[in-house]
Amino acid sequence: MRKIKIVCKDFEVEAELLNHERPKTCNAIWQALPFEAELEIWKEEVYFEIPVKIPPENPTPKTTAGDVSYWPEGPGFCIFFGRSQPISPVNTFARIRSGVEKFRKVKTGDRITVRQVAR
């Protein structure tokens, strides 16, 4: 199983790629890593623009805390850490199994890095 590491402020979390649900999205993002950006906050969601263009792939209008999604309209990388929902359907491609609550302490403008976890 492929994983990504998300580093922000003084913490890091890992997310497992959901290859079986959205393989094209997973592969495109995996190949484009690493990303580094200033994040933005919208409700209970962290997001930032990424240099990847992927069409909708089995998009969903609903998410749960811990979902890591690609927003085709951005294009954006989104981390959902609460009950808020995407403004439009997203390709949820990874899942944070523990530590998602740590994103409650980040602020717009904080730096975020996403990279592959070595196998």
C-alpha atoms as a PDB file:
ATOM      1  CA  MET A   1       0.000   0.000   0.000  1.00  0.00           C
ATOM      2  CA  ARG A   2       1.377   3.406  -0.988  1.00  0.00           C
ATOM      3  CA  LYS A   3       1.385   6.165   1.612  1.00  0.00           C
ATOM      4  CA  ILE A   4       2.038   9.881   1.652  1.00  0.00           C
ATOM      5  CA  LYS A   5       3.462  11.947   4.498  1.00  0.00           C
ATOM      6  CA  ILE A   6       1.908  15.325   5.264  1.00  0.00           C
ATOM      7  CA  VAL A   7       4.069  17.698   7.319  1.00  0.00           C
ATOM      8  CA  CYS A   8       2.663  20.913   8.763  1.00  0.00           C
ATOM      9  CA  LYS A   9       3.773  23.134  11.637  1.00  0.00           C
ATOM     10  CA  ASP A  10       5.157  20.845  14.355  1.00  0.00           C
ATOM     11  CA  PHE A  11       3.438  17.604  13.326  1.00  0.00           C
ATOM     12  CA  GLU A  12       3.214  15.042  10.570  1.00  0.00           C
ATOM     13  CA  VAL A  13       0.645  12.438   9.591  1.00  0.00           C
ATOM     14  CA  GLU A  14       0.505   9.654   7.045  1.00  0.00           C
ATOM     15  CA  ALA A  15      -2.299   8.897   4.626  1.00  0.00           C
ATOM     16  CA  GLU A  16      -2.911   5.650   2.750  1.00  0.00           C
ATOM     17  CA  LEU A  17      -3.697   5.971  -0.960  1.00  0.00           C
ATOM     18  CA  LEU A  18      -7.038   4.480  -2.010  1.00  0.00           C
ATOM     19  CA  ASN A  19      -5.728   2.971  -5.238  1.00  0.00           C
ATOM     20  CA  HIS A  20      -8.730   0.691  -5.736  1.00  0.00           C
ATOM     21  CA  GLU A  21     -11.252   3.575  -5.624  1.00  0.00           C
ATOM     22  CA  ARG A  22      -9.557   6.240  -7.753  1.00  0.00           C
ATOM     23  CA  PRO A  23      -6.418   4.765  -9.384  1.00  0.00           C
ATOM     24  CA  LYS A  24      -5.896   7.553 -11.949  1.00  0.00           C
ATOM     25  CA  THR A  25      -6.072  10.252  -9.273  1.00  0.00           C
ATOM     26  CA  CYS A  26      -3.732   8.307  -6.970  1.00  0.00           C
ATOM     27  CA  ASN A  27      -1.181   7.758  -9.732  1.00  0.00           C
ATOM     28  CA  ALA A  28      -1.230  11.352 -10.983  1.00  0.00           C
ATOM     29  CA  ILE A  29      -0.726  12.787  -7.510  1.00  0.00           C
ATOM     30  CA  TRP A  30       1.905  10.178  -6.566  1.00  0.00           C
ATOM     31  CA  GLN A  31       3.922  11.021  -9.696  1.00  0.00           C
ATOM     32  CA  ALA A  32       3.713  14.794  -9.020  1.00  0.00           C
ATOM     33  CA  LEU A  33       4.946  14.622  -5.396  1.00  0.00           C
ATOM     34  CA  PRO A  34       6.455  16.342  -3.469  1.00  0.00           C
ATOM     35  CA  PHE A  35       4.281  19.430  -2.980  1.00  0.00           C
ATOM     36  CA  GLU A  36       5.073  22.404  -0.800  1.00  0.00           C
ATOM     37  CA  ALA A  37       2.651  25.278  -0.363  1.00  0.00           C
ATOM     38  CA  GLU A  38       0.990  27.802   1.884  1.00  0.00           C
ATOM     39  CA  LEU A  39      -2.287  26.315   3.029  1.00  0.00           C
ATOM     40  CA  GLU A  40      -5.670  27.908   3.280  1.00  0.00           C
ATOM     41  CA  ILE A  41      -8.509  27.038   5.640  1.00  0.00           C
ATOM     42  CA  TRP A  42     -12.149  26.791   4.626  1.00  0.00           C
ATOM     43  CA  LYS A  43     -14.455  25.726   7.465  1.00  0.00           C
ATOM     44  CA  GLU A  44     -12.933  22.399   8.640  1.00  0.00           C
ATOM     45  CA  GLU A  45     -10.803  21.829   5.555  1.00  0.00           C
ATOM     46  CA  VAL A  46      -7.180  22.535   4.702  1.00  0.00           C
ATOM     47  CA  TYR A  47      -6.552  23.111   1.009  1.00  0.00           C
ATOM     48  CA  PHE A  48      -3.927  24.395  -1.394  1.00  0.00           C
ATOM     49  CA  GLU A  49      -3.426  24.527  -5.125  1.00  0.00           C
ATOM     50  CA  ILE A  50      -1.310  21.840  -6.788  1.00  0.00           C
ATOM     51  CA  PRO A  51       0.203  21.594 -10.282  1.00  0.00           C
ATOM     52  CA  VAL A  52      -1.903  18.596 -11.310  1.00  0.00           C
ATOM     53  CA  LYS A  53      -4.898  18.479 -13.662  1.00  0.00           C
ATOM     54  CA  ILE A  54      -7.073  15.400 -13.203  1.00  0.00           C
ATOM     55  CA  PRO A  55     -10.646  15.023 -14.457  1.00  0.00           C
ATOM     56  CA  PRO A  56     -13.344  13.921 -12.048  1.00  0.00           C
ATOM     57  CA  GLU A  57     -12.890  10.225 -11.220  1.00  0.00           C
ATOM     58  CA  ASN A  58     -15.813   8.710  -9.345  1.00  0.00           C
ATOM     59  CA  PRO A  59     -16.295  12.118  -7.639  1.00  0.00           C
ATOM     60  CA  THR A  60     -18.173  12.425  -4.386  1.00  0.00           C
ATOM     61  CA  PRO A  61     -20.001  15.394  -2.832  1.00  0.00           C
ATOM     62  CA  LYS A  62     -19.533  13.931   0.689  1.00  0.00           C
ATOM     63  CA  THR A  63     -16.427  13.512   2.834  1.00  0.00           C
ATOM     64  CA  THR A  64     -15.567  12.501   6.379  1.00  0.00           C
ATOM     65  CA  ALA A  65     -12.818  13.670   8.720  1.00  0.00           C
ATOM     66  CA  GLY A  66      -9.553  12.139   7.549  1.00  0.00           C
ATOM     67  CA  ASP A  67     -10.381  12.176   3.846  1.00  0.00           C
ATOM     68  CA  VAL A  68      -7.683  13.535   1.540  1.00  0.00           C
ATOM     69  CA  SER A  69      -9.197  14.648  -1.747  1.00  0.00           C
ATOM     70  CA  TYR A  70      -8.405  16.250  -5.065  1.00  0.00           C
ATOM     71  CA  TRP A  71     -10.692  19.114  -6.054  1.00  0.00           C
ATOM     72  CA  PRO A  72     -10.819  19.243  -9.888  1.00  0.00           C
ATOM     73  CA  GLU A  73     -12.099  22.839  -9.961  1.00  0.00           C
ATOM     74  CA  GLY A  74      -9.038  24.163  -8.060  1.00  0.00           C
ATOM     75  CA  PRO A  75      -7.066  22.234  -8.850  1.00  0.00           C
ATOM     76  CA  GLY A  76      -6.678  21.652  -5.148  1.00  0.00           C
ATOM     77  CA  PHE A  77      -5.361  19.213  -2.556  1.00  0.00           C
ATOM     78  CA  CYS A  78      -7.844  19.035   0.329  1.00  0.00           C
ATOM     79  CA  ILE A  79      -7.653  17.576   3.817  1.00  0.00           C
ATOM     80  CA  PHE A  80     -10.962  17.300   5.639  1.00  0.00           C
ATOM     81  CA  PHE A  81     -10.554  17.371   9.426  1.00  0.00           C
ATOM     82  CA  GLY A  82     -14.113  17.984  10.599  1.00  0.00           C
ATOM     83  CA  ARG A  83     -17.707  17.920   9.435  1.00  0.00           C
ATOM     84  CA  SER A  84     -17.500  20.458   6.614  1.00  0.00           C
ATOM     85  CA  GLN A  85     -18.195  19.238   3.096  1.00  0.00           C
ATOM     86  CA  PRO A  86     -16.601  20.174  -0.227  1.00  0.00           C
ATOM     87  CA  ILE A  87     -18.097  23.054  -2.162  1.00  0.00           C
ATOM     88  CA  SER A  88     -18.329  20.743  -5.199  1.00  0.00           C
ATOM     89  CA  PRO A  89     -17.544  17.037  -5.785  1.00  0.00           C
ATOM     90  CA  VAL A  90     -14.013  15.797  -5.122  1.00  0.00           C
ATOM     91  CA  ASN A  91     -11.881  12.746  -5.939  1.00  0.00           C
ATOM     92  CA  THR A  92     -11.140  11.319  -2.475  1.00  0.00           C
ATOM     93  CA  PHE A  93      -7.865   9.458  -3.010  1.00  0.00           C
ATOM     94  CA  ALA A  94      -6.333   8.919   0.453  1.00  0.00           C
ATOM     95  CA  ARG A  95      -7.262   8.464   4.095  1.00  0.00           C
ATOM     96  CA  ILE A  96      -5.571   9.713   7.269  1.00  0.00           C
ATOM     97  CA  ARG A  97      -6.122   6.984   9.874  1.00  0.00           C
ATOM     98  CA  SER A  98      -4.818   8.882  12.913  1.00  0.00           C
ATOM     99  CA  GLY A  99      -3.853  12.427  13.847  1.00  0.00           C
ATOM    100  CA  VAL A 100      -6.312  14.312  11.628  1.00  0.00           C
ATOM    101  CA  GLU A 101      -7.398  16.406  14.649  1.00  0.00           C
ATOM    102  CA  LYS A 102      -3.943  18.069  14.595  1.00  0.00           C
ATOM    103  CA  PHE A 103      -5.087  20.133  11.607  1.00  0.00           C
ATOM    104  CA  ARG A 104      -7.372  22.110  13.967  1.00  0.00           C
ATOM    105  CA  LYS A 105      -4.338  24.152  15.066  1.00  0.00           C
ATOM    106  CA  VAL A 106      -3.176  25.281  11.610  1.00  0.00           C
ATOM    107  CA  LYS A 107      -3.876  28.700  10.145  1.00  0.00           C
ATOM    108  CA  THR A 108      -4.101  30.141   6.650  1.00  0.00           C
ATOM    109  CA  GLY A 109      -0.561  30.890   5.496  1.00  0.00           C
ATOM    110  CA  ASP A 110       1.102  27.991   7.353  1.00  0.00           C
ATOM    111  CA  ARG A 111       3.490  25.920   5.244  1.00  0.00           C
ATOM    112  CA  ILE A 112       2.595  22.358   4.298  1.00  0.00           C
ATOM    113  CA  THR A 113       4.669  19.659   2.615  1.00  0.00           C
ATOM    114  CA  VAL A 114       3.390  16.420   1.086  1.00  0.00           C
ATOM    115  CA  ARG A 115       5.772  13.679  -0.050  1.00  0.00           C
ATOM    116  CA  GLN A 116       5.910   9.982  -0.800  1.00  0.00           C
ATOM    117  CA  VAL A 117       6.650   7.591   2.032  1.00  0.00           C
ATOM    118  CA  ALA A 118       9.508   5.291   1.046  1.00  0.00           C
ATOM    119  CA  ARG A 119       8.464   1.680   0.883  1.00  0.00           C
END
